[in-house]
Amino acid sequence: MLVPEDVRKIEPEIRAIVEGLGGEIVALEYRRGGGRTVLTVLADKPTGITLDDCGEISRRIGLLIDESNGKGEGLPSLSGSYLLEVSSPGADRPLKSLRDFEKAIGKTLDVQAKGAEPGRIWTFRATLENASADGLVFRMTKDGSLESLALERILRAAPVLPF
């Protein structure tokens, strides 16, 4: 993900804002589009993030950016016309980090992983039984067998939403 120097300068303060409200940053994304800079903050809380939470996070980060620019701390890519988006990552967001997988233990996931042969992709649905630095353990939906995979082999994994 592209995070310019301007965002890196204030990233610790953005994290402190979100954590101070009982949340965590899932992703911090930066892009240019439509003639302006767009800063997207995906945040979550253990109990789920609300619209009011997103509004408060947005208000505080907006003040941080405006104050930083007002003090001459030089955030040129975030001065002038910028758009700040704060939202929930969504219940079906892809899992990326070990922490994401640890929080998903017991959930059914759709997974794409690097196959045993180079260039092969293995797609399956399974319940995540365990997640650690040693690897991930899945109970396969098809036959109930257990499969262990290193986190590095996972190309994409996302929770299956109940309907």
Protein backbone atom coordinates (compact mmCIF):
# COMPACT_ATOMS: atom_id res chain seq x y z
CA MET A 1 0.00 0.00 0.00
CA LEU A 2 1.24 3.47 -0.85
CA VAL A 3 1.68 5.62 2.24
CA PRO A 4 3.50 8.86 1.46
CA GLU A 5 5.83 10.55 3.88
CA ASP A 6 3.08 12.98 4.95
CA VAL A 7 0.89 10.16 6.23
CA ARG A 8 3.88 8.45 7.88
CA LYS A 9 4.56 11.66 9.81
CA ILE A 10 1.15 11.61 11.48
CA GLU A 11 0.43 7.86 11.47
CA PRO A 12 1.36 7.42 15.17
CA GLU A 13 -1.05 10.21 16.09
CA ILE A 14 -3.79 8.69 13.91
CA ARG A 15 -3.26 5.34 15.63
CA ALA A 16 -3.39 7.06 19.04
CA ILE A 17 -6.71 8.69 18.14
CA VAL A 18 -8.28 5.38 17.09
CA GLU A 19 -6.82 3.44 20.04
CA GLY A 20 -7.89 6.19 22.43
CA LEU A 21 -11.47 5.52 21.35
CA GLY A 22 -11.07 1.78 21.99
CA GLY A 23 -10.39 0.77 18.40
CA GLU A 24 -7.60 -0.32 16.13
CA ILE A 25 -6.56 0.59 12.61
CA VAL A 26 -7.09 -2.26 10.19
CA ALA A 27 -5.73 -0.35 7.19
CA LEU A 28 -4.49 3.10 6.37
CA GLU A 29 -4.62 3.81 2.64
CA TYR A 30 -3.62 6.82 0.62
CA ARG A 31 -4.36 7.59 -3.01
CA ARG A 32 -4.84 10.45 -5.39
CA GLY A 33 -8.05 10.74 -7.34
CA GLY A 34 -10.34 13.35 -8.82
CA GLY A 35 -7.79 16.11 -8.35
CA ARG A 36 -7.45 15.56 -4.61
CA THR A 37 -5.79 13.37 -2.06
CA VAL A 38 -7.86 10.63 -0.42
CA LEU A 39 -6.88 9.24 2.98
CA THR A 40 -8.88 6.16 3.99
CA VAL A 41 -8.82 4.82 7.53
CA LEU A 42 -10.40 1.42 8.15
CA ALA A 43 -10.96 1.00 11.87
CA ASP A 44 -12.57 -1.64 14.03
CA LYS A 45 -13.40 -2.34 17.67
CA PRO A 46 -13.85 -5.66 19.46
CA THR A 47 -17.56 -4.89 19.76
CA GLY A 48 -17.81 -3.53 16.22
CA ILE A 49 -17.42 0.05 15.09
CA THR A 50 -20.44 2.34 14.85
CA LEU A 51 -21.26 5.23 12.57
CA ASP A 52 -20.80 7.57 15.57
CA ASP A 53 -17.33 6.07 16.19
CA CYS A 54 -16.37 6.69 12.55
CA GLY A 55 -17.64 10.26 12.77
CA GLU A 56 -15.63 10.98 15.91
CA ILE A 57 -12.47 9.41 14.47
CA SER A 58 -12.93 11.43 11.27
CA ARG A 59 -13.44 14.67 13.20
CA ARG A 60 -10.31 14.14 15.31
CA ILE A 61 -8.09 13.10 12.39
CA GLY A 62 -9.36 16.05 10.35
CA LEU A 63 -8.40 18.40 13.20
CA LEU A 64 -4.98 16.73 13.43
CA ILE A 65 -4.33 17.25 9.71
CA ASP A 66 -5.60 20.83 9.74
CA GLU A 67 -3.57 21.70 12.88
CA SER A 68 -0.42 20.11 11.44
CA ASN A 69 -0.77 22.16 8.26
CA GLY A 70 -1.58 25.29 10.28
CA LYS A 71 1.60 24.90 12.34
CA GLY A 72 3.67 24.72 9.18
CA GLU A 73 4.64 21.12 9.85
CA GLY A 74 4.41 20.59 6.14
CA LEU A 75 1.94 17.97 4.99
CA PRO A 76 1.79 19.14 1.37
CA SER A 77 -0.03 16.06 0.07
CA LEU A 78 -2.72 16.58 2.74
CA SER A 79 -3.13 20.33 2.38
CA GLY A 80 -5.73 22.07 0.29
CA SER A 81 -8.34 19.71 -1.08
CA TYR A 82 -8.26 16.31 0.57
CA LEU A 83 -10.89 13.73 1.38
CA LEU A 84 -10.80 11.76 4.62
CA GLU A 85 -12.77 8.51 4.67
CA VAL A 86 -13.22 6.59 7.92
CA SER A 87 -15.15 3.34 7.86
CA SER A 88 -15.48 -0.20 9.11
CA PRO A 89 -13.52 -2.82 7.20
CA GLY A 90 -16.69 -4.91 6.88
CA ALA A 91 -17.50 -8.33 8.24
CA ASP A 92 -16.18 -10.11 5.15
CA ARG A 93 -12.90 -8.24 4.84
CA PRO A 94 -9.90 -10.29 3.83
CA LEU A 95 -7.69 -11.49 6.68
CA LYS A 96 -4.08 -10.45 6.31
CA SER A 97 -2.10 -10.49 9.53
CA LEU A 98 -1.56 -13.18 12.13
CA ARG A 99 -3.66 -11.07 14.49
CA ASP A 100 -6.54 -11.12 11.97
CA PHE A 101 -6.33 -14.91 11.85
CA GLU A 102 -6.13 -15.21 15.64
CA LYS A 103 -9.38 -13.24 15.92
CA ALA A 104 -10.99 -15.49 13.30
CA ILE A 105 -10.41 -18.81 15.13
CA GLY A 106 -13.63 -20.82 15.05
CA LYS A 107 -14.95 -19.06 11.94
CA THR A 108 -15.52 -20.60 8.53
CA LEU A 109 -13.29 -19.06 5.86
CA ASP A 110 -13.00 -19.12 2.11
CA VAL A 111 -9.29 -19.51 1.40
CA GLN A 112 -6.98 -19.28 -1.58
CA ALA A 113 -3.46 -20.55 -0.94
CA LYS A 114 -0.34 -21.33 -2.88
CA GLY A 115 -0.50 -24.98 -3.87
CA ALA A 116 2.20 -27.58 -3.29
CA GLU A 117 3.33 -27.20 -6.92
CA PRO A 118 4.70 -23.84 -8.11
CA GLY A 119 2.07 -21.77 -9.90
CA ARG A 120 -0.85 -23.77 -8.48
CA ILE A 121 -3.58 -22.19 -6.38
CA TRP A 122 -5.60 -24.19 -3.87
CA THR A 123 -9.10 -22.92 -3.10
CA PHE A 124 -11.08 -24.35 -0.18
CA ARG A 125 -13.59 -23.62 2.57
CA ALA A 126 -12.66 -24.55 6.14
CA THR A 127 -13.04 -23.63 9.78
CA LEU A 128 -9.95 -22.04 11.29
CA GLU A 129 -8.97 -24.19 14.28
CA ASN A 130 -5.73 -22.49 15.31
CA ALA A 131 -3.47 -19.59 14.31
CA SER A 132 0.07 -19.02 15.53
CA ALA A 133 3.47 -17.99 14.26
CA ASP A 134 4.00 -21.69 13.46
CA GLY A 135 1.09 -21.69 11.01
CA LEU A 136 -2.65 -22.00 10.54
CA VAL A 137 -4.71 -25.12 11.15
CA PHE A 138 -7.93 -25.59 9.19
CA ARG A 139 -10.72 -28.17 9.54
CA MET A 140 -11.78 -28.83 5.97
CA THR A 141 -15.50 -28.44 5.29
CA LYS A 142 -15.49 -31.22 2.67
CA ASP A 143 -14.25 -34.10 4.80
CA GLY A 144 -13.43 -32.81 8.30
CA SER A 145 -9.70 -33.43 7.92
CA LEU A 146 -7.14 -31.06 9.40
CA GLU A 147 -4.71 -29.12 7.18
CA SER A 148 -1.81 -26.98 8.36
CA LEU A 149 -0.46 -24.13 6.28
CA ALA A 150 2.17 -21.47 6.80
CA LEU A 151 0.70 -17.97 6.82
CA GLU A 152 2.97 -17.08 3.87
CA ARG A 153 1.09 -19.55 1.66
CA ILE A 154 -2.23 -17.73 2.12
CA LEU A 155 -3.08 -15.58 -0.87
CA ARG A 156 -6.56 -14.59 0.31
CA ALA A 157 -8.79 -15.59 3.22
CA ALA A 158 -12.11 -14.07 4.19
CA PRO A 159 -14.93 -15.06 6.56
CA VAL A 160 -17.99 -16.75 5.09
CA LEU A 161 -21.00 -14.67 6.04
CA PRO A 162 -24.08 -16.55 7.26
CA PHE A 163 -27.24 -15.82 5.28
